[in-house]
Amino acid sequence: MSKFVNIGFGNVVNTDRIVAVVSPDSAPIKRLVQNAREQGHIIDATQGRKTKGVLFTESDSIILSALLPETLAARFGQTGRETAGREEDEDEE
């Protein structure tokens, strides 16, 4: 089941399509972002603020977020814990 999570400023993503969430600080990530920008595969969800998180999708799009990777991972993790809790409840019945 698809879950949508807020990645900042009212922008949401489908958690089933996210492959990785990383920091934009390293040179390899900066190169990947620049190459994707040149090819038109960037989705900028920063609303003009500094990019602090980079999300990679299954479809080779890259989403830029103004939230830290730790914050994004925690938000994604909340949906995972809810699902895990439900599965445990079903096993007990």
PDB file of N, CA and C in Angstrom:
ATOM      1  N   MET A   1       0.839  -1.176   0.000  1.00  0.00           N
ATOM      2  CA  MET A   1       0.000   0.000   0.000  1.00  0.00           C
ATOM      3  C   MET A   1       0.886   1.242   0.000  1.00  0.00           C
ATOM      4  N   SER A   2       0.589   2.177  -0.850  1.00  0.00           N
ATOM      5  CA  SER A   2       1.381   3.391  -0.987  1.00  0.00           C
ATOM      6  C   SER A   2       1.143   4.338   0.180  1.00  0.00           C
ATOM      7  N   LYS A   3       2.229   4.917   0.650  1.00  0.00           N
ATOM      8  CA  LYS A   3       2.165   5.939   1.688  1.00  0.00           C
ATOM      9  C   LYS A   3       2.802   7.200   1.138  1.00  0.00           C
ATOM     10  N   PHE A   4       2.196   8.328   1.423  1.00  0.00           N
ATOM     11  CA  PHE A   4       2.757   9.604   1.028  1.00  0.00           C
ATOM     12  C   PHE A   4       3.276  10.303   2.273  1.00  0.00           C
ATOM     13  N   VAL A   5       4.504  10.845   2.169  1.00  0.00           N
ATOM     14  CA  VAL A   5       5.144  11.507   3.296  1.00  0.00           C
ATOM     15  C   VAL A   5       5.526  12.916   2.884  1.00  0.00           C
ATOM     16  N   ASN A   6       5.307  13.864   3.790  1.00  0.00           N
ATOM     17  CA  ASN A   6       5.643  15.263   3.559  1.00  0.00           C
ATOM     18  C   ASN A   6       7.164  15.426   3.572  1.00  0.00           C
ATOM     19  N   ILE A   7       7.712  16.024   2.504  1.00  0.00           N
ATOM     20  CA  ILE A   7       9.152  16.269   2.439  1.00  0.00           C
ATOM     21  C   ILE A   7       9.458  17.748   2.596  1.00  0.00           C
ATOM     22  N   GLY A   8       8.483  18.496   3.066  1.00  0.00           N
ATOM     23  CA  GLY A   8       8.681  19.918   3.334  1.00  0.00           C
ATOM     24  C   GLY A   8       7.814  20.798   2.469  1.00  0.00           C
ATOM     25  N   PHE A   9       7.254  21.848   3.076  1.00  0.00           N
ATOM     26  CA  PHE A   9       6.480  22.881   2.384  1.00  0.00           C
ATOM     27  C   PHE A   9       5.275  22.321   1.639  1.00  0.00           C
ATOM     28  N   GLY A  10       4.662  21.287   2.194  1.00  0.00           N
ATOM     29  CA  GLY A  10       3.465  20.716   1.591  1.00  0.00           C
ATOM     30  C   GLY A  10       3.726  19.785   0.428  1.00  0.00           C
ATOM     31  N   ASN A  11       4.973  19.513   0.131  1.00  0.00           N
ATOM     32  CA  ASN A  11       5.321  18.577  -0.937  1.00  0.00           C
ATOM     33  C   ASN A  11       5.368  17.165  -0.360  1.00  0.00           C
ATOM     34  N   VAL A  12       4.785  16.220  -1.076  1.00  0.00           N
ATOM     35  CA  VAL A  12       4.746  14.839  -0.602  1.00  0.00           C
ATOM     36  C   VAL A  12       5.302  13.900  -1.665  1.00  0.00           C
ATOM     37  N   VAL A  13       5.834  12.775  -1.196  1.00  0.00           N
ATOM     38  CA  VAL A  13       6.349  11.754  -2.106  1.00  0.00           C
ATOM     39  C   VAL A  13       5.778  10.399  -1.712  1.00  0.00           C
ATOM     40  N   ASN A  14       5.741   9.510  -2.682  1.00  0.00           N
ATOM     41  CA  ASN A  14       5.316   8.137  -2.470  1.00  0.00           C
ATOM     42  C   ASN A  14       6.520   7.358  -1.933  1.00  0.00           C
ATOM     43  N   THR A  15       6.418   6.858  -0.720  1.00  0.00           N
ATOM     44  CA  THR A  15       7.552   6.179  -0.090  1.00  0.00           C
ATOM     45  C   THR A  15       7.927   4.880  -0.808  1.00  0.00           C
ATOM     46  N   ASP A  16       6.994   4.290  -1.524  1.00  0.00           N
ATOM     47  CA  ASP A  16       7.290   3.055  -2.252  1.00  0.00           C
ATOM     48  C   ASP A  16       8.253   3.293  -3.415  1.00  0.00           C
ATOM     49  N   ARG A  17       8.373   4.516  -3.868  1.00  0.00           N
ATOM     50  CA  ARG A  17       9.209   4.836  -5.029  1.00  0.00           C
ATOM     51  C   ARG A  17      10.572   5.415  -4.666  1.00  0.00           C
ATOM     52  N   ILE A  18      10.829   5.626  -3.377  1.00  0.00           N
ATOM     53  CA  ILE A  18      12.096   6.205  -2.946  1.00  0.00           C
ATOM     54  C   ILE A  18      13.116   5.093  -2.746  1.00  0.00           C
ATOM     55  N   VAL A  19      14.295   5.268  -3.352  1.00  0.00           N
ATOM     56  CA  VAL A  19      15.362   4.277  -3.255  1.00  0.00           C
ATOM     57  C   VAL A  19      16.370   4.677  -2.183  1.00  0.00           C
ATOM     58  N   ALA A  20      16.708   5.979  -2.108  1.00  0.00           N
ATOM     59  CA  ALA A  20      17.718   6.446  -1.150  1.00  0.00           C
ATOM     60  C   ALA A  20      17.467   7.895  -0.788  1.00  0.00           C
ATOM     61  N   VAL A  21      17.891   8.247   0.430  1.00  0.00           N
ATOM     62  CA  VAL A  21      17.853   9.630   0.900  1.00  0.00           C
ATOM     63  C   VAL A  21      19.254   9.937   1.405  1.00  0.00           C
ATOM     64  N   VAL A  22      19.903  10.941   0.788  1.00  0.00           N
ATOM     65  CA  VAL A  22      21.292  11.239   1.128  1.00  0.00           C
ATOM     66  C   VAL A  22      21.507  12.733   1.322  1.00  0.00           C
ATOM     67  N   SER A  23      22.648  13.053   1.873  1.00  0.00           N
ATOM     68  CA  SER A  23      23.061  14.443   2.041  1.00  0.00           C
ATOM     69  C   SER A  23      23.665  14.942   0.736  1.00  0.00           C
ATOM     70  N   PRO A  24      23.465  16.216   0.397  1.00  0.00           N
ATOM     71  CA  PRO A  24      23.981  16.741  -0.875  1.00  0.00           C
ATOM     72  C   PRO A  24      25.431  17.226  -0.802  1.00  0.00           C
ATOM     73  N   ASP A  25      26.122  16.972   0.292  1.00  0.00           N
ATOM     74  CA  ASP A  25      27.434  17.578   0.525  1.00  0.00           C
ATOM     75  C   ASP A  25      28.595  16.937  -0.220  1.00  0.00           C
ATOM     76  N   SER A  26      28.520  15.661  -0.543  1.00  0.00           N
ATOM     77  CA  SER A  26      29.672  15.004  -1.171  1.00  0.00           C
ATOM     78  C   SER A  26      29.761  15.331  -2.663  1.00  0.00           C
ATOM     79  N   ALA A  27      30.953  15.283  -3.182  1.00  0.00           N
ATOM     80  CA  ALA A  27      31.190  15.590  -4.594  1.00  0.00           C
ATOM     81  C   ALA A  27      30.439  14.645  -5.544  1.00  0.00           C
ATOM     82  N   PRO A  28      30.409  13.339  -5.266  1.00  0.00           N
ATOM     83  CA  PRO A  28      29.663  12.448  -6.176  1.00  0.00           C
ATOM     84  C   PRO A  28      28.172  12.780  -6.247  1.00  0.00           C
ATOM     85  N   ILE A  29      27.588  13.134  -5.115  1.00  0.00           N
ATOM     86  CA  ILE A  29      26.160  13.482  -5.109  1.00  0.00           C
ATOM     87  C   ILE A  29      25.952  14.789  -5.859  1.00  0.00           C
ATOM     88  N   LYS A  30      26.842  15.738  -5.673  1.00  0.00           N
ATOM     89  CA  LYS A  30      26.734  17.009  -6.403  1.00  0.00           C
ATOM     90  C   LYS A  30      26.801  16.772  -7.909  1.00  0.00           C
ATOM     91  N   ARG A  31      27.678  15.861  -8.348  1.00  0.00           N
ATOM     92  CA  ARG A  31      27.778  15.537  -9.779  1.00  0.00           C
ATOM     93  C   ARG A  31      26.500  14.878 -10.276  1.00  0.00           C
ATOM     94  N   LEU A  32      25.955  13.945  -9.494  1.00  0.00           N
ATOM     95  CA  LEU A  32      24.708  13.284  -9.891  1.00  0.00           C
ATOM     96  C   LEU A  32      23.571  14.295 -10.016  1.00  0.00           C
ATOM     97  N   VAL A  33      23.484  15.224  -9.066  1.00  0.00           N
ATOM     98  CA  VAL A  33      22.436  16.243  -9.107  1.00  0.00           C
ATOM     99  C   VAL A  33      22.626  17.137 -10.327  1.00  0.00           C
ATOM    100  N   GLN A  34      23.859  17.553 -10.593  1.00  0.00           N
ATOM    101  CA  GLN A  34      24.114  18.422 -11.738  1.00  0.00           C
ATOM    102  C   GLN A  34      23.783  17.724 -13.060  1.00  0.00           C
ATOM    103  N   ASN A  35      24.180  16.471 -13.182  1.00  0.00           N
ATOM    104  CA  ASN A  35      23.869  15.709 -14.400  1.00  0.00           C
ATOM    105  C   ASN A  35      22.362  15.546 -14.577  1.00  0.00           C
ATOM    106  N   ALA A  36      21.655  15.256 -13.494  1.00  0.00           N
ATOM    107  CA  ALA A  36      20.198  15.110 -13.566  1.00  0.00           C
ATOM    108  C   ALA A  36      19.538  16.439 -13.924  1.00  0.00           C
ATOM    109  N   ARG A  37      20.080  17.534 -13.404  1.00  0.00           N
ATOM    110  CA  ARG A  37      19.538  18.859 -13.729  1.00  0.00           C
ATOM    111  C   ARG A  37      19.680  19.136 -15.226  1.00  0.00           C
ATOM    112  N   GLU A  38      20.827  18.794 -15.792  1.00  0.00           N
ATOM    113  CA  GLU A  38      21.067  19.002 -17.226  1.00  0.00           C
ATOM    114  C   GLU A  38      20.129  18.149 -18.081  1.00  0.00           C
ATOM    115  N   GLN A  39      19.776  16.962 -17.583  1.00  0.00           N
ATOM    116  CA  GLN A  39      18.903  16.053 -18.329  1.00  0.00           C
ATOM    117  C   GLN A  39      17.424  16.293 -18.037  1.00  0.00           C
ATOM    118  N   GLY A  40      17.120  17.189 -17.099  1.00  0.00           N
ATOM    119  CA  GLY A  40      15.734  17.488 -16.769  1.00  0.00           C
ATOM    120  C   GLY A  40      15.074  16.474 -15.853  1.00  0.00           C
ATOM    121  N   HIS A  41      15.875  15.793 -15.034  1.00  0.00           N
ATOM    122  CA  HIS A  41      15.346  14.777 -14.124  1.00  0.00           C
ATOM    123  C   HIS A  41      15.295  15.251 -12.673  1.00  0.00           C
ATOM    124  N   ILE A  42      15.362  16.558 -12.450  1.00  0.00           N
ATOM    125  CA  ILE A  42      15.348  17.105 -11.090  1.00  0.00           C
ATOM    126  C   ILE A  42      13.942  17.599 -10.746  1.00  0.00           C
ATOM    127  N   ILE A  43      13.512  17.282  -9.537  1.00  0.00           N
ATOM    128  CA  ILE A  43      12.289  17.852  -8.977  1.00  0.00           C
ATOM    129  C   ILE A  43      12.734  18.652  -7.766  1.00  0.00           C
ATOM    130  N   ASP A  44      12.619  19.968  -7.850  1.00  0.00           N
ATOM    131  CA  ASP A  44      13.088  20.846  -6.778  1.00  0.00           C
ATOM    132  C   ASP A  44      11.938  21.173  -5.840  1.00  0.00           C
ATOM    133  N   ALA A  45      11.974  20.580  -4.649  1.00  0.00           N
ATOM    134  CA  ALA A  45      10.933  20.810  -3.644  1.00  0.00           C
ATOM    135  C   ALA A  45      11.463  21.648  -2.485  1.00  0.00           C
ATOM    136  N   THR A  46      12.488  22.461  -2.742  1.00  0.00           N
ATOM    137  CA  THR A  46      13.112  23.245  -1.672  1.00  0.00           C
ATOM    138  C   THR A  46      12.433  24.592  -1.447  1.00  0.00           C
ATOM    139  N   GLN A  47      11.591  25.021  -2.368  1.00  0.00           N
ATOM    140  CA  GLN A  47      10.924  26.326  -2.275  1.00  0.00           C
ATOM    141  C   GLN A  47      11.941  27.455  -2.128  1.00  0.00           C
ATOM    142  N   GLY A  48      13.064  27.344  -2.828  1.00  0.00           N
ATOM    143  CA  GLY A  48      14.077  28.397  -2.822  1.00  0.00           C
ATOM    144  C   GLY A  48      15.052  28.333  -1.661  1.00  0.00           C
ATOM    145  N   ARG A  49      14.914  27.363  -0.799  1.00  0.00           N
ATOM    146  CA  ARG A  49      15.820  27.245   0.345  1.00  0.00           C
ATOM    147  C   ARG A  49      16.987  26.327   0.004  1.00  0.00           C
ATOM    148  N   LYS A  50      17.946  26.261   0.902  1.00  0.00           N
ATOM    149  CA  LYS A  50      19.127  25.431   0.686  1.00  0.00           C
ATOM    150  C   LYS A  50      18.743  23.954   0.653  1.00  0.00           C
ATOM    151  N   THR A  51      19.325  23.221  -0.280  1.00  0.00           N
ATOM    152  CA  THR A  51      19.089  21.782  -0.380  1.00  0.00           C
ATOM    153  C   THR A  51      19.848  21.071   0.735  1.00  0.00           C
ATOM    154  N   LYS A  52      19.125  20.332   1.548  1.00  0.00           N
ATOM    155  CA  LYS A  52      19.749  19.590   2.646  1.00  0.00           C
ATOM    156  C   LYS A  52      19.566  18.086   2.506  1.00  0.00           C
ATOM    157  N   GLY A  53      18.617  17.690   1.664  1.00  0.00           N
ATOM    158  CA  GLY A  53      18.370  16.269   1.440  1.00  0.00           C
ATOM    159  C   GLY A  53      18.111  15.992  -0.026  1.00  0.00           C
ATOM    160  N   VAL A  54      18.629  14.870  -0.503  1.00  0.00           N
ATOM    161  CA  VAL A  54      18.451  14.464  -1.894  1.00  0.00           C
ATOM    162  C   VAL A  54      17.805  13.079  -1.892  1.00  0.00           C
ATOM    163  N   LEU A  55      16.672  12.961  -2.579  1.00  0.00           N
ATOM    164  CA  LEU A  55      15.949  11.697  -2.649  1.00  0.00           C
ATOM    165  C   LEU A  55      16.078  11.124  -4.053  1.00  0.00           C
ATOM    166  N   PHE A  56      16.470   9.878  -4.135  1.00  0.00           N
ATOM    167  CA  PHE A  56      16.580   9.194  -5.413  1.00  0.00           C
ATOM    168  C   PHE A  56      15.367   8.286  -5.575  1.00  0.00           C
ATOM    169  N   THR A  57      14.766   8.295  -6.764  1.00  0.00           N
ATOM    170  CA  THR A  57      13.569   7.504  -7.015  1.00  0.00           C
ATOM    171  C   THR A  57      13.866   6.341  -7.954  1.00  0.00           C
ATOM    172  N   GLU A  58      12.924   5.413  -8.027  1.00  0.00           N
ATOM    173  CA  GLU A  58      13.048   4.264  -8.925  1.00  0.00           C
ATOM    174  C   GLU A  58      13.112   4.688 -10.384  1.00  0.00           C
ATOM    175  N   SER A  59      12.475   5.795 -10.714  1.00  0.00           N
ATOM    176  CA  SER A  59      12.386   6.237 -12.104  1.00  0.00           C
ATOM    177  C   SER A  59      13.554   7.139 -12.505  1.00  0.00           C
ATOM    178  N   ASP A  60      14.632   7.123 -11.737  1.00  0.00           N
ATOM    179  CA  ASP A  60      15.842   7.907 -12.004  1.00  0.00           C
ATOM    180  C   ASP A  60      15.638   9.407 -11.876  1.00  0.00           C
ATOM    181  N   SER A  61      14.549   9.831 -11.263  1.00  0.00           N
ATOM    182  CA  SER A  61      14.379  11.244 -10.939  1.00  0.00           C
ATOM    183  C   SER A  61      15.062  11.502  -9.604  1.00  0.00           C
ATOM    184  N   ILE A  62      15.491  12.729  -9.414  1.00  0.00           N
ATOM    185  CA  ILE A  62      16.103  13.135  -8.155  1.00  0.00           C
ATOM    186  C   ILE A  62      15.277  14.271  -7.593  1.00  0.00           C
ATOM    187  N   ILE A  63      14.884  14.133  -6.329  1.00  0.00           N
ATOM    188  CA  ILE A  63      14.073  15.145  -5.660  1.00  0.00           C
ATOM    189  C   ILE A  63      14.937  15.858  -4.638  1.00  0.00           C
ATOM    190  N   LEU A  64      14.945  17.196  -4.701  1.00  0.00           N
ATOM    191  CA  LEU A  64      15.704  18.004  -3.749  1.00  0.00           C
ATOM    192  C   LEU A  64      14.761  18.479  -2.661  1.00  0.00           C
ATOM    193  N   SER A  65      15.203  18.363  -1.399  1.00  0.00           N
ATOM    194  CA  SER A  65      14.395  18.772  -0.263  1.00  0.00           C
ATOM    195  C   SER A  65      15.196  19.693   0.647  1.00  0.00           C
ATOM    196  N   ALA A  66      14.498  20.583   1.340  1.00  0.00           N
ATOM    197  CA  ALA A  66      15.140  21.474   2.300  1.00  0.00           C
ATOM    198  C   ALA A  66      15.236  20.826   3.680  1.00  0.00           C
ATOM    199  N   LEU A  67      14.772  19.588   3.817  1.00  0.00           N
ATOM    200  CA  LEU A  67      14.860  18.883   5.095  1.00  0.00           C
ATOM    201  C   LEU A  67      16.089  17.982   5.116  1.00  0.00           C
ATOM    202  N   LEU A  68      16.661  17.807   6.303  1.00  0.00           N
ATOM    203  CA  LEU A  68      17.821  16.942   6.472  1.00  0.00           C
ATOM    204  C   LEU A  68      17.458  15.482   6.206  1.00  0.00           C
ATOM    205  N   PRO A  69      18.419  14.685   5.725  1.00  0.00           N
ATOM    206  CA  PRO A  69      18.153  13.265   5.490  1.00  0.00           C
ATOM    207  C   PRO A  69      17.650  12.544   6.746  1.00  0.00           C
ATOM    208  N   GLU A  70      18.163  12.918   7.916  1.00  0.00           N
ATOM    209  CA  GLU A  70      17.724  12.286   9.160  1.00  0.00           C
ATOM    210  C   GLU A  70      16.235  12.566   9.415  1.00  0.00           C
ATOM    211  N   THR A  71      15.810  13.791   9.134  1.00  0.00           N
ATOM    212  CA  THR A  71      14.402  14.154   9.312  1.00  0.00           C
ATOM    213  C   THR A  71      13.531  13.371   8.342  1.00  0.00           C
ATOM    214  N   LEU A  72      13.969  13.302   7.091  1.00  0.00           N
ATOM    215  CA  LEU A  72      13.210  12.565   6.082  1.00  0.00           C
ATOM    216  C   LEU A  72      13.139  11.081   6.432  1.00  0.00           C
ATOM    217  N   ALA A  73      14.260  10.512   6.862  1.00  0.00           N
ATOM    218  CA  ALA A  73      14.281   9.092   7.218  1.00  0.00           C
ATOM    219  C   ALA A  73      13.350   8.813   8.389  1.00  0.00           C
ATOM    220  N   ALA A  74      13.312   9.723   9.352  1.00  0.00           N
ATOM    221  CA  ALA A  74      12.408   9.555  10.492  1.00  0.00           C
ATOM    222  C   ALA A  74      10.959   9.581  10.028  1.00  0.00           C
ATOM    223  N   ARG A  75      10.649  10.463   9.102  1.00  0.00           N
ATOM    224  CA  ARG A  75       9.273  10.530   8.588  1.00  0.00           C
ATOM    225  C   ARG A  75       8.919   9.265   7.813  1.00  0.00           C
ATOM    226  N   PHE A  76       9.873   8.753   7.037  1.00  0.00           N
ATOM    227  CA  PHE A  76       9.625   7.506   6.319  1.00  0.00           C
ATOM    228  C   PHE A  76       9.509   6.355   7.302  1.00  0.00           C
ATOM    229  N   GLY A  77      10.307   6.381   8.349  1.00  0.00           N
ATOM    230  CA  GLY A  77      10.301   5.327   9.353  1.00  0.00           C
ATOM    231  C   GLY A  77       9.007   5.257  10.116  1.00  0.00           C
ATOM    232  N   GLN A  78       8.325   6.371  10.296  1.00  0.00           N
ATOM    233  CA  GLN A  78       7.049   6.372  11.008  1.00  0.00           C
ATOM    234  C   GLN A  78       6.050   5.495  10.284  1.00  0.00           C
ATOM    235  N   THR A  79       6.014   5.582   8.960  1.00  0.00           N
ATOM    236  CA  THR A  79       5.072   4.756   8.205  1.00  0.00           C
ATOM    237  C   THR A  79       5.474   3.297   8.310  1.00  0.00           C
ATOM    238  N   GLY A  80       6.787   3.005   8.345  1.00  0.00           N
ATOM    239  CA  GLY A  80       7.253   1.633   8.474  1.00  0.00           C
ATOM    240  C   GLY A  80       6.880   1.020   9.807  1.00  0.00           C
ATOM    241  N   ARG A  81       6.997   1.788  10.890  1.00  0.00           N
ATOM    242  CA  ARG A  81       6.645   1.279  12.214  1.00  0.00           C
ATOM    243  C   ARG A  81       5.151   1.005  12.313  1.00  0.00           C
ATOM    244  N   GLU A  82       4.335   1.868  11.718  1.00  0.00           N
ATOM    245  CA  GLU A  82       2.894   1.649  11.752  1.00  0.00           C
ATOM    246  C   GLU A  82       2.543   0.344  11.046  1.00  0.00           C
ATOM    247  N   THR A  83       3.164   0.113   9.904  1.00  0.00           N
ATOM    248  CA  THR A  83       2.904  -1.106   9.149  1.00  0.00           C
ATOM    249  C   THR A  83       3.392  -2.318   9.922  1.00  0.00           C
ATOM    250  N   ALA A  84       4.594  -2.221  10.507  1.00  0.00           N
ATOM    251  CA  ALA A  84       5.146  -3.349  11.254  1.00  0.00           C
ATOM    252  C   ALA A  84       4.253  -3.690  12.437  1.00  0.00           C
ATOM    253  N   GLY A  85       3.716  -2.701  13.113  1.00  0.00           N
ATOM    254  CA  GLY A  85       2.838  -2.939  14.243  1.00  0.00           C
ATOM    255  C   GLY A  85       1.581  -3.666  13.838  1.00  0.00           C
ATOM    256  N   ARG A  86       1.028  -3.315  12.709  1.00  0.00           N
ATOM    257  CA  ARG A  86      -0.190  -3.969  12.222  1.00  0.00           C
ATOM    258  C   ARG A  86       0.074  -5.430  11.869  1.00  0.00           C
ATOM    259  N   GLU A  87       1.239  -5.692  11.255  1.00  0.00           N
ATOM    260  CA  GLU A  87       1.566  -7.055  10.882  1.00  0.00           C
ATOM    261  C   GLU A  87       1.711  -7.926  12.126  1.00  0.00           C
ATOM    262  N   GLU A  88       2.327  -7.387  13.186  1.00  0.00           N
ATOM    263  CA  GLU A  88       2.493  -8.143  14.426  1.00  0.00           C
ATOM    264  C   GLU A  88       1.121  -8.457  15.019  1.00  0.00           C
ATOM    265  N   ASP A  89       0.200  -7.497  14.985  1.00  0.00           N
ATOM    266  CA  ASP A  89      -1.140  -7.710  15.518  1.00  0.00           C
ATOM    267  C   ASP A  89      -1.855  -8.814  14.754  1.00  0.00           C
ATOM    268  N   GLU A  90      -1.675  -8.834  13.427  1.00  0.00           N
ATOM    269  CA  GLU A  90      -2.346  -9.841  12.618  1.00  0.00           C
ATOM    270  C   GLU A  90      -1.800 -11.229  12.905  1.00  0.00           C
ATOM    271  N   ASP A  91      -0.476 -11.338  13.186  1.00  0.00           N
ATOM    272  CA  ASP A  91       0.130 -12.631  13.486  1.00  0.00           C
ATOM    273  C   ASP A  91      -0.406 -13.227  14.777  1.00  0.00           C
ATOM    274  N   GLU A  92      -0.779 -12.376  15.734  1.00  0.00           N
ATOM    275  CA  GLU A  92      -1.240 -12.853  17.028  1.00  0.00           C
ATOM    276  C   GLU A  92      -2.646 -13.430  16.947  1.00  0.00           C
ATOM    277  N   GLU A  93      -3.437 -13.016  15.984  1.00  0.00           N
ATOM    278  CA  GLU A  93      -4.838 -13.473  15.887  1.00  0.00           C
ATOM    279  C   GLU A  93      -4.962 -14.860  15.360  1.00  0.00           C
TER     280      GLU A  93
END
